[in-house]
Every structure is written in C-alpha cells, then in structure tokens.
PDB file of N, CA and C in Angstrom:
ATOM      1  N   MET A   1      51.354  19.042 -62.148  1.00  0.00           N
ATOM      2  CA  MET A   1      50.122  18.182 -61.413  1.00  0.00           C
ATOM      3  C   MET A   1      50.755  17.562 -60.825  1.00  0.00           C
ATOM      4  N   LEU A   2      52.064  16.967 -60.924  1.00  0.00           N
ATOM      5  CA  LEU A   2      52.608  15.760 -59.954  1.00  0.00           C
ATOM      6  C   LEU A   2      52.860  15.905 -58.732  1.00  0.00           C
ATOM      7  N   SER A   3      53.545  17.343 -58.768  1.00  0.00           N
ATOM      8  CA  SER A   3      53.786  17.858 -57.439  1.00  0.00           C
ATOM      9  C   SER A   3      52.499  18.093 -56.590  1.00  0.00           C
ATOM     10  N   ASN A   4      51.270  18.705 -57.471  1.00  0.00           N
ATOM     11  CA  ASN A   4      49.966  18.618 -56.545  1.00  0.00           C
ATOM     12  C   ASN A   4      49.737  17.023 -56.146  1.00  0.00           C
ATOM     13  N   LEU A   5      49.923  15.962 -56.779  1.00  0.00           N
ATOM     14  CA  LEU A   5      49.423  14.584 -56.057  1.00  0.00           C
ATOM     15  C   LEU A   5      50.390  14.291 -55.252  1.00  0.00           C
ATOM     16  N   GLN A   6      51.303  14.553 -55.125  1.00  0.00           N
ATOM     17  CA  GLN A   6      52.772  14.965 -54.123  1.00  0.00           C
ATOM     18  C   GLN A   6      51.900  15.148 -52.875  1.00  0.00           C
ATOM     19  N   SER A   7      51.712  16.486 -52.901  1.00  0.00           N
ATOM     20  CA  SER A   7      51.232  17.302 -51.844  1.00  0.00           C
ATOM     21  C   SER A   7      50.018  16.388 -50.984  1.00  0.00           C
ATOM     22  N   MET A   8      48.997  16.065 -51.965  1.00  0.00           N
ATOM     23  CA  MET A   8      47.725  15.579 -51.729  1.00  0.00           C
ATOM     24  C   MET A   8      47.757  14.340 -50.792  1.00  0.00           C
ATOM     25  N   GLN A   9      49.150  13.483 -50.911  1.00  0.00           N
ATOM     26  CA  GLN A   9      49.912  12.063 -50.360  1.00  0.00           C
ATOM     27  C   GLN A   9      50.200  12.584 -49.500  1.00  0.00           C
ATOM     28  N   ASP A  10      50.805  13.644 -49.141  1.00  0.00           N
ATOM     29  CA  ASP A  10      51.338  14.149 -47.807  1.00  0.00           C
ATOM     30  C   ASP A  10      49.763  14.683 -46.783  1.00  0.00           C
ATOM     31  N   GLN A  11      48.940  15.366 -47.063  1.00  0.00           N
ATOM     32  CA  GLN A  11      47.929  15.463 -46.870  1.00  0.00           C
ATOM     33  C   GLN A  11      46.989  14.359 -46.166  1.00  0.00           C
ATOM     34  N   LEU A  12      47.071  13.732 -47.439  1.00  0.00           N
ATOM     35  CA  LEU A  12      45.870  11.990 -47.128  1.00  0.00           C
ATOM     36  C   LEU A  12      46.278  11.549 -45.585  1.00  0.00           C
ATOM     37  N   ASN A  13      48.095  11.285 -45.874  1.00  0.00           N
ATOM     38  CA  ASN A  13      48.471  10.470 -45.252  1.00  0.00           C
ATOM     39  C   ASN A  13      48.618  10.898 -43.071  1.00  0.00           C
ATOM     40  N   ASN A  14      48.212  12.416 -43.457  1.00  0.00           N
ATOM     41  CA  ASN A  14      48.375  13.029 -42.000  1.00  0.00           C
ATOM     42  C   ASN A  14      46.957  13.585 -41.736  1.00  0.00           C
ATOM     43  N   CYS A  15      46.247  12.718 -42.162  1.00  0.00           N
ATOM     44  CA  CYS A  15      44.880  13.265 -42.128  1.00  0.00           C
ATOM     45  C   CYS A  15      43.863  12.079 -41.741  1.00  0.00           C
ATOM     46  N   ALA A  16      43.871  11.453 -40.388  1.00  0.00           N
ATOM     47  CA  ALA A  16      43.173  10.248 -39.529  1.00  0.00           C
ATOM     48  C   ALA A  16      41.787   9.947 -40.435  1.00  0.00           C
ATOM     49  N   HIS A  17      41.358  11.322 -40.030  1.00  0.00           N
ATOM     50  CA  HIS A  17      39.545  10.971 -40.588  1.00  0.00           C
ATOM     51  C   HIS A  17      39.433  10.465 -41.813  1.00  0.00           C
ATOM     52  N   LEU A  18      40.610  10.882 -43.546  1.00  0.00           N
ATOM     53  CA  LEU A  18      40.082  10.594 -44.193  1.00  0.00           C
ATOM     54  C   LEU A  18      40.682   9.139 -44.231  1.00  0.00           C
ATOM     55  N   ARG A  19      41.599   9.000 -43.585  1.00  0.00           N
ATOM     56  CA  ARG A  19      42.268   7.538 -44.333  1.00  0.00           C
ATOM     57  C   ARG A  19      41.801   6.522 -43.146  1.00  0.00           C
ATOM     58  N   ARG A  20      40.531   6.774 -41.977  1.00  0.00           N
ATOM     59  CA  ARG A  20      39.939   6.106 -41.553  1.00  0.00           C
ATOM     60  C   ARG A  20      38.488   5.694 -42.449  1.00  0.00           C
ATOM     61  N   ILE A  21      37.678   6.549 -43.649  1.00  0.00           N
ATOM     62  CA  ILE A  21      37.137   6.512 -44.321  1.00  0.00           C
ATOM     63  C   ILE A  21      37.383   5.531 -45.278  1.00  0.00           C
ATOM     64  N   GLY A  22      38.732   6.070 -45.876  1.00  0.00           N
ATOM     65  CA  GLY A  22      38.775   4.974 -46.879  1.00  0.00           C
ATOM     66  C   GLY A  22      39.884   3.866 -46.301  1.00  0.00           C
ATOM     67  N   ARG A  23      39.633   2.711 -45.217  1.00  0.00           N
ATOM     68  CA  ARG A  23      40.242   2.144 -44.685  1.00  0.00           C
ATOM     69  C   ARG A  23      40.258   0.724 -45.187  1.00  0.00           C
ATOM     70  N   LEU A  24      39.394   0.605 -45.974  1.00  0.00           N
ATOM     71  CA  LEU A  24      38.943  -0.600 -46.807  1.00  0.00           C
ATOM     72  C   LEU A  24      38.895  -0.451 -48.457  1.00  0.00           C
ATOM     73  N   PHE A  25      39.753   0.496 -48.469  1.00  0.00           N
ATOM     74  CA  PHE A  25      39.863   0.936 -50.380  1.00  0.00           C
ATOM     75  C   PHE A  25      41.229   0.748 -50.495  1.00  0.00           C
ATOM     76  N   SER A  26      41.791  -0.298 -51.100  1.00  0.00           N
ATOM     77  CA  SER A  26      42.730  -0.924 -51.713  1.00  0.00           C
ATOM     78  C   SER A  26      43.098  -0.883 -52.909  1.00  0.00           C
ATOM     79  N   GLU A  27      42.990  -0.246 -53.635  1.00  0.00           N
ATOM     80  CA  GLU A  27      42.828  -0.522 -55.304  1.00  0.00           C
ATOM     81  C   GLU A  27      43.943   1.043 -56.067  1.00  0.00           C
ATOM     82  N   THR A  28      44.009   1.275 -57.274  1.00  0.00           N
ATOM     83  CA  THR A  28      44.581   1.410 -58.195  1.00  0.00           C
ATOM     84  C   THR A  28      43.751   2.406 -59.078  1.00  0.00           C
ATOM     85  N   VAL A  29      43.892   4.120 -58.788  1.00  0.00           N
ATOM     86  CA  VAL A  29      42.702   4.712 -59.529  1.00  0.00           C
ATOM     87  C   VAL A  29      43.576   5.957 -60.957  1.00  0.00           C
ATOM     88  N   GLN A  30      43.170   5.798 -62.061  1.00  0.00           N
ATOM     89  CA  GLN A  30      44.159   5.912 -62.825  1.00  0.00           C
ATOM     90  C   GLN A  30      43.103   7.784 -62.981  1.00  0.00           C
ATOM     91  N   LEU A  31      44.366   8.887 -62.579  1.00  0.00           N
ATOM     92  CA  LEU A  31      43.825  10.180 -63.139  1.00  0.00           C
ATOM     93  C   LEU A  31      44.674  10.631 -64.393  1.00  0.00           C
ATOM     94  N   ILE A  32      43.552  11.652 -64.773  1.00  0.00           N
ATOM     95  CA  ILE A  32      43.967  11.480 -66.006  1.00  0.00           C
ATOM     96  C   ILE A  32      43.644  13.098 -66.547  1.00  0.00           C
ATOM     97  N   VAL A  33      44.596  14.201 -66.236  1.00  0.00           N
ATOM     98  CA  VAL A  33      44.496  15.434 -66.462  1.00  0.00           C
ATOM     99  C   VAL A  33      45.235  16.021 -67.833  1.00  0.00           C
ATOM    100  N   ASP A  34      44.586  16.663 -68.339  1.00  0.00           N
ATOM    101  CA  ASP A  34      44.969  17.319 -69.691  1.00  0.00           C
ATOM    102  C   ASP A  34      45.871  16.567 -70.418  1.00  0.00           C
ATOM    103  N   GLY A  35      45.196  14.833 -70.454  1.00  0.00           N
ATOM    104  CA  GLY A  35      46.087  13.964 -71.286  1.00  0.00           C
ATOM    105  C   GLY A  35      47.075  13.374 -70.305  1.00  0.00           C
ATOM    106  N   GLU A  36      47.469  13.545 -69.328  1.00  0.00           N
ATOM    107  CA  GLU A  36      48.464  13.239 -68.684  1.00  0.00           C
ATOM    108  C   GLU A  36      48.350  12.309 -67.794  1.00  0.00           C
ATOM    109  N   GLU A  37      48.652  11.478 -67.816  1.00  0.00           N
ATOM    110  CA  GLU A  37      48.162   9.992 -67.139  1.00  0.00           C
ATOM    111  C   GLU A  37      48.848   9.831 -65.841  1.00  0.00           C
ATOM    112  N   PHE A  38      48.276   9.369 -64.416  1.00  0.00           N
ATOM    113  CA  PHE A  38      48.550   9.300 -63.198  1.00  0.00           C
ATOM    114  C   PHE A  38      48.029   7.776 -62.876  1.00  0.00           C
ATOM    115  N   TYR A  39      48.503   7.070 -62.291  1.00  0.00           N
ATOM    116  CA  TYR A  39      47.985   6.303 -61.504  1.00  0.00           C
ATOM    117  C   TYR A  39      48.492   6.065 -59.767  1.00  0.00           C
ATOM    118  N   LEU A  40      47.469   6.140 -59.239  1.00  0.00           N
ATOM    119  CA  LEU A  40      47.260   6.208 -57.719  1.00  0.00           C
ATOM    120  C   LEU A  40      47.003   4.911 -57.145  1.00  0.00           C
ATOM    121  N   THR A  41      48.250   4.711 -56.244  1.00  0.00           N
ATOM    122  CA  THR A  41      47.613   3.468 -55.676  1.00  0.00           C
ATOM    123  C   THR A  41      47.711   3.788 -54.223  1.00  0.00           C
ATOM    124  N   PHE A  42      46.256   3.024 -53.574  1.00  0.00           N
ATOM    125  CA  PHE A  42      45.722   3.571 -52.446  1.00  0.00           C
ATOM    126  C   PHE A  42      45.779   2.035 -51.697  1.00  0.00           C
ATOM    127  N   GLU A  43      46.213   1.939 -50.486  1.00  0.00           N
ATOM    128  CA  GLU A  43      46.548   0.356 -49.727  1.00  0.00           C
ATOM    129  C   GLU A  43      45.535   1.000 -48.490  1.00  0.00           C
ATOM    130  N   LYS A  44      44.759   0.087 -48.104  1.00  0.00           N
ATOM    131  CA  LYS A  44      43.951   0.806 -46.602  1.00  0.00           C
ATOM    132  C   LYS A  44      43.942   2.214 -46.583  1.00  0.00           C
ATOM    133  N   GLY A  45      43.648   2.924 -47.359  1.00  0.00           N
ATOM    134  CA  GLY A  45      43.356   4.349 -47.121  1.00  0.00           C
ATOM    135  C   GLY A  45      44.384   5.639 -47.768  1.00  0.00           C
ATOM    136  N   ALA A  46      45.659   4.720 -47.460  1.00  0.00           N
ATOM    137  CA  ALA A  46      46.475   5.384 -48.037  1.00  0.00           C
ATOM    138  C   ALA A  46      46.788   5.418 -48.943  1.00  0.00           C
ATOM    139  N   LEU A  47      47.712   6.583 -49.698  1.00  0.00           N
ATOM    140  CA  LEU A  47      48.550   7.004 -51.014  1.00  0.00           C
ATOM    141  C   LEU A  47      49.558   6.650 -51.115  1.00  0.00           C
ATOM    142  N   VAL A  48      49.875   4.890 -51.220  1.00  0.00           N
ATOM    143  CA  VAL A  48      51.325   4.594 -51.226  1.00  0.00           C
ATOM    144  C   VAL A  48      52.103   5.037 -52.324  1.00  0.00           C
ATOM    145  N   ASP A  49      51.655   5.032 -53.440  1.00  0.00           N
ATOM    146  CA  ASP A  49      52.840   4.969 -54.496  1.00  0.00           C
ATOM    147  C   ASP A  49      51.697   6.381 -55.970  1.00  0.00           C
ATOM    148  N   ILE A  50      52.531   6.923 -56.347  1.00  0.00           N
ATOM    149  CA  ILE A  50      51.888   7.678 -57.760  1.00  0.00           C
ATOM    150  C   ILE A  50      53.047   7.709 -58.613  1.00  0.00           C
ATOM    151  N   THR A  51      52.323   7.002 -59.563  1.00  0.00           N
ATOM    152  CA  THR A  51      53.427   6.259 -61.041  1.00  0.00           C
ATOM    153  C   THR A  51      52.427   7.687 -62.031  1.00  0.00           C
ATOM    154  N   GLN A  52      53.364   8.164 -62.587  1.00  0.00           N
ATOM    155  CA  GLN A  52      53.318   8.597 -63.695  1.00  0.00           C
ATOM    156  C   GLN A  52      53.039   8.054 -65.339  1.00  0.00           C
ATOM    157  N   GLY A  53      52.335   7.750 -65.810  1.00  0.00           N
ATOM    158  CA  GLY A  53      52.511   7.278 -67.267  1.00  0.00           C
ATOM    159  C   GLY A  53      52.614   7.950 -68.686  1.00  0.00           C
ATOM    160  N   PRO A  54      52.164   7.317 -69.700  1.00  0.00           N
ATOM    161  CA  PRO A  54      51.130   6.470 -69.510  1.00  0.00           C
ATOM    162  C   PRO A  54      51.872   5.321 -69.646  1.00  0.00           C
ATOM    163  N   SER A  55      50.463   3.747 -69.405  1.00  0.00           N
ATOM    164  CA  SER A  55      51.725   2.498 -69.439  1.00  0.00           C
ATOM    165  C   SER A  55      50.100   1.834 -69.596  1.00  0.00           C
ATOM    166  N   ARG A  56      50.510   1.034 -70.466  1.00  0.00           N
ATOM    167  CA  ARG A  56      49.389  -0.208 -70.582  1.00  0.00           C
ATOM    168  C   ARG A  56      49.469  -1.256 -69.742  1.00  0.00           C
ATOM    169  N   LYS A  57      50.713  -1.444 -68.736  1.00  0.00           N
ATOM    170  CA  LYS A  57      50.982  -2.392 -68.286  1.00  0.00           C
ATOM    171  C   LYS A  57      50.564  -2.201 -66.643  1.00  0.00           C
ATOM    172  N   THR A  58      49.744  -1.031 -66.229  1.00  0.00           N
ATOM    173  CA  THR A  58      49.465  -0.601 -64.776  1.00  0.00           C
ATOM    174  C   THR A  58      47.954  -1.255 -64.370  1.00  0.00           C
ATOM    175  N   PRO A  59      47.093  -1.897 -64.149  1.00  0.00           N
ATOM    176  CA  PRO A  59      46.091  -2.684 -64.090  1.00  0.00           C
ATOM    177  C   PRO A  59      45.560  -1.242 -63.239  1.00  0.00           C
ATOM    178  N   TRP A  60      44.090  -1.126 -63.232  1.00  0.00           N
ATOM    179  CA  TRP A  60      43.424   0.185 -62.790  1.00  0.00           C
ATOM    180  C   TRP A  60      42.061  -0.484 -62.192  1.00  0.00           C
ATOM    181  N   ARG A  61      41.427   0.015 -61.490  1.00  0.00           N
ATOM    182  CA  ARG A  61      40.010   0.041 -61.119  1.00  0.00           C
ATOM    183  C   ARG A  61      39.035   0.594 -61.736  1.00  0.00           C
ATOM    184  N   PHE A  62      39.021   2.115 -61.818  1.00  0.00           N
ATOM    185  CA  PHE A  62      38.388   3.368 -62.419  1.00  0.00           C
ATOM    186  C   PHE A  62      39.179   4.518 -62.435  1.00  0.00           C
ATOM    187  N   SER A  63      38.603   5.068 -63.824  1.00  0.00           N
ATOM    188  CA  SER A  63      39.639   6.028 -64.069  1.00  0.00           C
ATOM    189  C   SER A  63      38.714   7.314 -63.789  1.00  0.00           C
ATOM    190  N   PHE A  64      39.739   8.377 -63.534  1.00  0.00           N
ATOM    191  CA  PHE A  64      39.018   9.999 -63.928  1.00  0.00           C
ATOM    192  C   PHE A  64      39.588  10.891 -64.381  1.00  0.00           C
ATOM    193  N   ARG A  65      39.183  11.625 -65.797  1.00  0.00           N
ATOM    194  CA  ARG A  65      39.469  12.004 -66.347  1.00  0.00           C
ATOM    195  C   ARG A  65      39.160  13.902 -66.471  1.00  0.00           C
ATOM    196  N   THR A  66      40.197  14.581 -66.626  1.00  0.00           N
ATOM    197  CA  THR A  66      39.364  15.722 -66.487  1.00  0.00           C
ATOM    198  C   THR A  66      40.380  16.947 -66.868  1.00  0.00           C
ATOM    199  N   ASP A  67      40.180  18.027 -66.755  1.00  0.00           N
ATOM    200  CA  ASP A  67      41.149  19.232 -67.186  1.00  0.00           C
ATOM    201  C   ASP A  67      41.408  20.017 -66.242  1.00  0.00           C
ATOM    202  N   CYS A  68      42.979  20.432 -66.068  1.00  0.00           N
ATOM    203  CA  CYS A  68      43.651  21.463 -65.195  1.00  0.00           C
ATOM    204  C   CYS A  68      42.699  22.964 -64.096  1.00  0.00           C
ATOM    205  N   GLU A  69      42.045  22.729 -65.617  1.00  0.00           N
ATOM    206  CA  GLU A  69      41.686  24.030 -65.358  1.00  0.00           C
ATOM    207  C   GLU A  69      39.787  23.697 -64.286  1.00  0.00           C
ATOM    208  N   ALA A  70      39.817  22.868 -65.178  1.00  0.00           N
ATOM    209  CA  ALA A  70      38.295  22.043 -63.950  1.00  0.00           C
ATOM    210  C   ALA A  70      39.181  22.012 -62.550  1.00  0.00           C
ATOM    211  N   LEU A  71      40.279  21.413 -62.565  1.00  0.00           N
ATOM    212  CA  LEU A  71      40.262  21.053 -61.227  1.00  0.00           C
ATOM    213  C   LEU A  71      40.947  22.156 -60.110  1.00  0.00           C
ATOM    214  N   GLU A  72      41.332  23.136 -61.219  1.00  0.00           N
ATOM    215  CA  GLU A  72      41.298  24.385 -60.534  1.00  0.00           C
ATOM    216  C   GLU A  72      40.508  25.111 -59.607  1.00  0.00           C
ATOM    217  N   LYS A  73      39.076  24.580 -60.504  1.00  0.00           N
ATOM    218  CA  LYS A  73      38.012  25.589 -59.811  1.00  0.00           C
ATOM    219  C   LYS A  73      37.341  25.011 -58.998  1.00  0.00           C
ATOM    220  N   HIS A  74      37.854  23.528 -58.813  1.00  0.00           N
ATOM    221  CA  HIS A  74      37.268  22.717 -58.320  1.00  0.00           C
ATOM    222  C   HIS A  74      37.881  22.891 -56.715  1.00  0.00           C
ATOM    223  N   TRP A  75      39.526  22.897 -56.722  1.00  0.00           N
ATOM    224  CA  TRP A  75      39.936  23.619 -55.732  1.00  0.00           C
ATOM    225  C   TRP A  75      39.455  24.851 -54.853  1.00  0.00           C
ATOM    226  N   GLN A  76      38.932  25.601 -55.761  1.00  0.00           N
ATOM    227  CA  GLN A  76      38.110  27.272 -54.835  1.00  0.00           C
ATOM    228  C   GLN A  76      38.061  26.654 -53.713  1.00  0.00           C
ATOM    229  N   ALA A  77      37.949  27.639 -52.595  1.00  0.00           N
ATOM    230  CA  ALA A  77      37.389  27.545 -51.718  1.00  0.00           C
ATOM    231  C   ALA A  77      36.134  27.212 -51.422  1.00  0.00           C
ATOM    232  N   VAL A  78      34.995  28.021 -52.539  1.00  0.00           N
ATOM    233  CA  VAL A  78      33.511  27.832 -52.394  1.00  0.00           C
ATOM    234  C   VAL A  78      33.700  27.225 -53.933  1.00  0.00           C
ATOM    235  N   PRO A  79      34.014  26.677 -54.378  1.00  0.00           N
ATOM    236  CA  PRO A  79      33.796  26.267 -56.394  1.00  0.00           C
ATOM    237  C   PRO A  79      32.099  26.386 -56.953  1.00  0.00           C
ATOM    238  N   GLU A  80      32.369  26.656 -58.041  1.00  0.00           N
ATOM    239  CA  GLU A  80      31.264  27.280 -58.561  1.00  0.00           C
ATOM    240  C   GLU A  80      30.264  25.975 -58.874  1.00  0.00           C
ATOM    241  N   PRO A  81      28.718  26.272 -59.089  1.00  0.00           N
ATOM    242  CA  PRO A  81      27.959  24.622 -59.134  1.00  0.00           C
ATOM    243  C   PRO A  81      28.801  23.866 -60.402  1.00  0.00           C
ATOM    244  N   GLY A  82      28.814  22.462 -60.857  1.00  0.00           N
ATOM    245  CA  GLY A  82      29.230  21.496 -61.140  1.00  0.00           C
ATOM    246  C   GLY A  82      30.865  21.582 -61.398  1.00  0.00           C
ATOM    247  N   PHE A  83      31.274  22.368 -60.374  1.00  0.00           N
ATOM    248  CA  PHE A  83      32.595  22.024 -59.993  1.00  0.00           C
ATOM    249  C   PHE A  83      33.468  21.935 -58.869  1.00  0.00           C
ATOM    250  N   HIS A  84      31.950  21.614 -58.163  1.00  0.00           N
ATOM    251  CA  HIS A  84      32.203  21.244 -56.307  1.00  0.00           C
ATOM    252  C   HIS A  84      32.333  19.942 -56.386  1.00  0.00           C
ATOM    253  N   ASP A  85      32.248  18.773 -57.556  1.00  0.00           N
ATOM    254  CA  ASP A  85      31.794  17.488 -56.875  1.00  0.00           C
ATOM    255  C   ASP A  85      32.451  17.124 -57.981  1.00  0.00           C
ATOM    256  N   VAL A  86      32.736  15.314 -57.932  1.00  0.00           N
ATOM    257  CA  VAL A  86      33.107  14.557 -59.282  1.00  0.00           C
ATOM    258  C   VAL A  86      32.267  14.017 -60.171  1.00  0.00           C
ATOM    259  N   PHE A  87      30.856  14.317 -59.946  1.00  0.00           N
ATOM    260  CA  PHE A  87      29.817  13.930 -60.433  1.00  0.00           C
ATOM    261  C   PHE A  87      29.355  14.972 -61.278  1.00  0.00           C
ATOM    262  N   GLY A  88      29.579  16.368 -60.591  1.00  0.00           N
ATOM    263  CA  GLY A  88      29.142  17.592 -61.079  1.00  0.00           C
ATOM    264  C   GLY A  88      30.216  17.911 -62.250  1.00  0.00           C
ATOM    265  N   LEU A  89      31.280  17.407 -61.964  1.00  0.00           N
ATOM    266  CA  LEU A  89      32.338  17.739 -63.339  1.00  0.00           C
ATOM    267  C   LEU A  89      32.108  17.058 -64.757  1.00  0.00           C
ATOM    268  N   VAL A  90      31.705  15.871 -64.348  1.00  0.00           N
ATOM    269  CA  VAL A  90      31.350  14.830 -65.108  1.00  0.00           C
ATOM    270  C   VAL A  90      29.917  15.726 -66.211  1.00  0.00           C
ATOM    271  N   LYS A  91      28.617  15.531 -65.037  1.00  0.00           N
ATOM    272  CA  LYS A  91      27.471  16.298 -65.369  1.00  0.00           C
ATOM    273  C   LYS A  91      27.535  17.482 -66.557  1.00  0.00           C
ATOM    274  N   ILE A  92      28.738  18.677 -66.126  1.00  0.00           N
ATOM    275  CA  ILE A  92      28.829  19.474 -66.505  1.00  0.00           C
ATOM    276  C   ILE A  92      29.759  19.411 -68.044  1.00  0.00           C
ATOM    277  N   GLY A  93      30.238  18.103 -68.189  1.00  0.00           N
ATOM    278  CA  GLY A  93      31.201  17.950 -69.486  1.00  0.00           C
ATOM    279  C   GLY A  93      32.213  17.950 -69.086  1.00  0.00           C
ATOM    280  N   ARG A  94      33.477  17.923 -67.779  1.00  0.00           N
ATOM    281  CA  ARG A  94      34.280  18.638 -67.902  1.00  0.00           C
ATOM    282  C   ARG A  94      35.086  17.521 -66.912  1.00  0.00           C
ATOM    283  N   GLY A  95      34.524  16.179 -66.971  1.00  0.00           N
ATOM    284  CA  GLY A  95      34.732  14.809 -66.227  1.00  0.00           C
ATOM    285  C   GLY A  95      34.370  13.827 -66.992  1.00  0.00           C
ATOM    286  N   GLN A  96      35.056  12.860 -67.201  1.00  0.00           N
ATOM    287  CA  GLN A  96      34.831  11.361 -67.190  1.00  0.00           C
ATOM    288  C   GLN A  96      35.227  10.129 -66.249  1.00  0.00           C
ATOM    289  N   ILE A  97      33.980   9.540 -66.561  1.00  0.00           N
ATOM    290  CA  ILE A  97      34.363   8.346 -65.846  1.00  0.00           C
ATOM    291  C   ILE A  97      34.622   7.089 -65.952  1.00  0.00           C
ATOM    292  N   GLU A  98      35.688   6.188 -66.251  1.00  0.00           N
ATOM    293  CA  GLU A  98      35.829   4.575 -66.796  1.00  0.00           C
ATOM    294  C   GLU A  98      35.753   3.860 -66.032  1.00  0.00           C
ATOM    295  N   GLY A  99      35.208   2.517 -66.441  1.00  0.00           N
ATOM    296  CA  GLY A  99      36.062   1.310 -65.337  1.00  0.00           C
ATOM    297  C   GLY A  99      34.647   1.148 -64.545  1.00  0.00           C
ATOM    298  N   ASP A 100      35.526   0.415 -63.063  1.00  0.00           N
ATOM    299  CA  ASP A 100      34.462  -0.060 -62.625  1.00  0.00           C
ATOM    300  C   ASP A 100      33.802   0.688 -61.804  1.00  0.00           C
ATOM    301  N   ILE A 101      32.323   1.172 -62.122  1.00  0.00           N
ATOM    302  CA  ILE A 101      31.972   2.266 -61.217  1.00  0.00           C
ATOM    303  C   ILE A 101      31.628   1.947 -60.128  1.00  0.00           C
ATOM    304  N   LEU A 102      31.202   0.820 -59.591  1.00  0.00           N
ATOM    305  CA  LEU A 102      31.045   0.042 -58.121  1.00  0.00           C
ATOM    306  C   LEU A 102      31.852   0.575 -57.747  1.00  0.00           C
ATOM    307  N   SER A 103      33.334   0.140 -57.925  1.00  0.00           N
ATOM    308  CA  SER A 103      34.301   0.205 -57.118  1.00  0.00           C
ATOM    309  C   SER A 103      34.385   1.852 -56.410  1.00  0.00           C
ATOM    310  N   LEU A 104      33.882   2.991 -57.533  1.00  0.00           N
ATOM    311  CA  LEU A 104      34.442   4.085 -57.143  1.00  0.00           C
ATOM    312  C   LEU A 104      33.089   4.584 -56.561  1.00  0.00           C
ATOM    313  N   VAL A 105      31.917   4.210 -56.451  1.00  0.00           N
ATOM    314  CA  VAL A 105      30.620   4.518 -55.706  1.00  0.00           C
ATOM    315  C   VAL A 105      30.594   3.675 -54.773  1.00  0.00           C
ATOM    316  N   LYS A 106      31.216   2.980 -54.003  1.00  0.00           N
ATOM    317  CA  LYS A 106      31.822   2.324 -52.565  1.00  0.00           C
ATOM    318  C   LYS A 106      32.695   2.660 -52.147  1.00  0.00           C
ATOM    319  N   ASN A 107      33.518   4.005 -52.849  1.00  0.00           N
ATOM    320  CA  ASN A 107      34.204   4.533 -52.003  1.00  0.00           C
ATOM    321  C   ASN A 107      34.303   5.852 -52.708  1.00  0.00           C
ATOM    322  N   LEU A 108      33.067   6.473 -52.695  1.00  0.00           N
ATOM    323  CA  LEU A 108      32.870   7.618 -53.078  1.00  0.00           C
ATOM    324  C   LEU A 108      33.438   9.093 -51.923  1.00  0.00           C
ATOM    325  N   ARG A 109      32.739   8.616 -51.019  1.00  0.00           N
ATOM    326  CA  ARG A 109      32.848  10.008 -49.730  1.00  0.00           C
ATOM    327  C   ARG A 109      34.634   9.905 -49.459  1.00  0.00           C
ATOM    328  N   PHE A 110      35.147   8.835 -50.320  1.00  0.00           N
ATOM    329  CA  PHE A 110      36.380   9.209 -49.668  1.00  0.00           C
ATOM    330  C   PHE A 110      37.256   9.540 -51.301  1.00  0.00           C
ATOM    331  N   PHE A 111      36.981   8.944 -51.925  1.00  0.00           N
ATOM    332  CA  PHE A 111      37.628   9.572 -53.122  1.00  0.00           C
ATOM    333  C   PHE A 111      37.124  10.686 -53.218  1.00  0.00           C
ATOM    334  N   LYS A 112      36.008  11.515 -53.074  1.00  0.00           N
ATOM    335  CA  LYS A 112      35.770  12.838 -53.057  1.00  0.00           C
ATOM    336  C   LYS A 112      36.885  13.908 -52.491  1.00  0.00           C
ATOM    337  N   GLU A 113      36.896  13.448 -51.058  1.00  0.00           N
ATOM    338  CA  GLU A 113      37.035  13.804 -50.141  1.00  0.00           C
ATOM    339  C   GLU A 113      38.821  14.017 -50.576  1.00  0.00           C
ATOM    340  N   PHE A 114      39.095  13.226 -50.808  1.00  0.00           N
ATOM    341  CA  PHE A 114      40.405  12.980 -51.399  1.00  0.00           C
ATOM    342  C   PHE A 114      40.855  13.898 -52.439  1.00  0.00           C
ATOM    343  N   LEU A 115      40.065  14.139 -53.027  1.00  0.00           N
ATOM    344  CA  LEU A 115      40.152  14.823 -54.540  1.00  0.00           C
ATOM    345  C   LEU A 115      40.209  16.268 -53.980  1.00  0.00           C
ATOM    346  N   ALA A 116      39.259  16.762 -52.728  1.00  0.00           N
ATOM    347  CA  ALA A 116      39.373  18.000 -52.848  1.00  0.00           C
ATOM    348  C   ALA A 116      40.330  18.700 -51.626  1.00  0.00           C
ATOM    349  N   LEU A 117      41.142  17.666 -51.327  1.00  0.00           N
ATOM    350  CA  LEU A 117      42.535  18.039 -50.131  1.00  0.00           C
ATOM    351  C   LEU A 117      42.901  19.242 -50.336  1.00  0.00           C
ATOM    352  N   PRO A 118      43.528  19.720 -51.753  1.00  0.00           N
ATOM    353  CA  PRO A 118      43.556  20.434 -52.285  1.00  0.00           C
ATOM    354  C   PRO A 118      42.813  22.434 -52.633  1.00  0.00           C
ATOM    355  N   ARG A 119      41.747  21.986 -52.059  1.00  0.00           N
ATOM    356  CA  ARG A 119      40.403  23.146 -51.792  1.00  0.00           C
ATOM    357  C   ARG A 119      41.102  23.711 -50.768  1.00  0.00           C
ATOM    358  N   LYS A 120      41.418  25.199 -50.975  1.00  0.00           N
ATOM    359  CA  LYS A 120      41.655  26.829 -50.534  1.00  0.00           C
ATOM    360  C   LYS A 120      40.193  26.567 -49.408  1.00  0.00           C
ATOM    361  N   GLY A 121      41.267  26.706 -48.014  1.00  0.00           N
ATOM    362  CA  GLY A 121      40.447  26.865 -46.974  1.00  0.00           C
ATOM    363  C   GLY A 121      40.295  25.051 -46.339  1.00  0.00           C
ATOM    364  N   ASN A 122      40.545  24.325 -46.902  1.00  0.00           N
ATOM    365  CA  ASN A 122      40.334  23.309 -46.462  1.00  0.00           C
ATOM    366  C   ASN A 122      40.992  22.910 -44.524  1.00  0.00           C
ATOM    367  N   THR A 123      40.147  22.676 -43.799  1.00  0.00           N
ATOM    368  CA  THR A 123      40.999  22.567 -42.948  1.00  0.00           C
ATOM    369  C   THR A 123      41.147  20.967 -42.317  1.00  0.00           C
ATOM    370  N   GLN A 124      41.152  20.018 -43.163  1.00  0.00           N
ATOM    371  CA  GLN A 124      41.710  18.489 -42.587  1.00  0.00           C
ATOM    372  C   GLN A 124      42.230  18.454 -41.754  1.00  0.00           C
TER     373      GLN A 124
END
C-alpha cells in the first residue's frame, strides 16, 4: 500500500488541476487500509509527507478506513456501483469516516479525486 501512496503522491504533485482544487487544503488525514495506518500530510494541495503508523502522537483532521479489495475495486476504470466514491464505500459498508467531517466535506472534490488517482484509464 505504501508504494501505491507514493505513486499517488507523484501523480498529485504533477497534476496542476488537482493541486489548484486543493490549494486551500493543508491538513493531515489518517488512511487505514486493512488495519494498516498511514498519515497523509497535505500542504496547499500537495502531499508533502506519508508516514506509516500506528501513532498516537500524530494529529489528524479526519480518517478514512477501508479494505484493500474495496480500494482495488474503487481504482477500476469503471467501478461497480458503491465503489465509485468515498461515500459510496461508506454506504455499502466498505468504508468508514471519522473525525472532522466538515473538513472532509469542504475539500470533498479534492479528496475524492486524490483517492481516485490510481484509477485505471485516469488521464489526470
């Protein structure tokens, strides 16, 4: 999973469109995939640090928890219904959001597009 996140970091940092959308987003997000914790630190729309957890000392604004299989389905060129979106994953019971939901909603397009960067056929 770490190599996927590093690839997403490179894709994000080379995507002017997504950097522009996230220019006001400077937060740390906790991502948990199959119990493996990662802390993604964004500054002005750039992913500047990926720290592997667990850590009780790393503050985060919101957390998204899912499983590897669900992410693989999310990253398909045309995902199945429910796997197409962060809230879709939550609705079908394959994702969980915790923390400051307002921060997520304020930056929803940025976070959704960031999470979809590995999507097959993505032309970003």
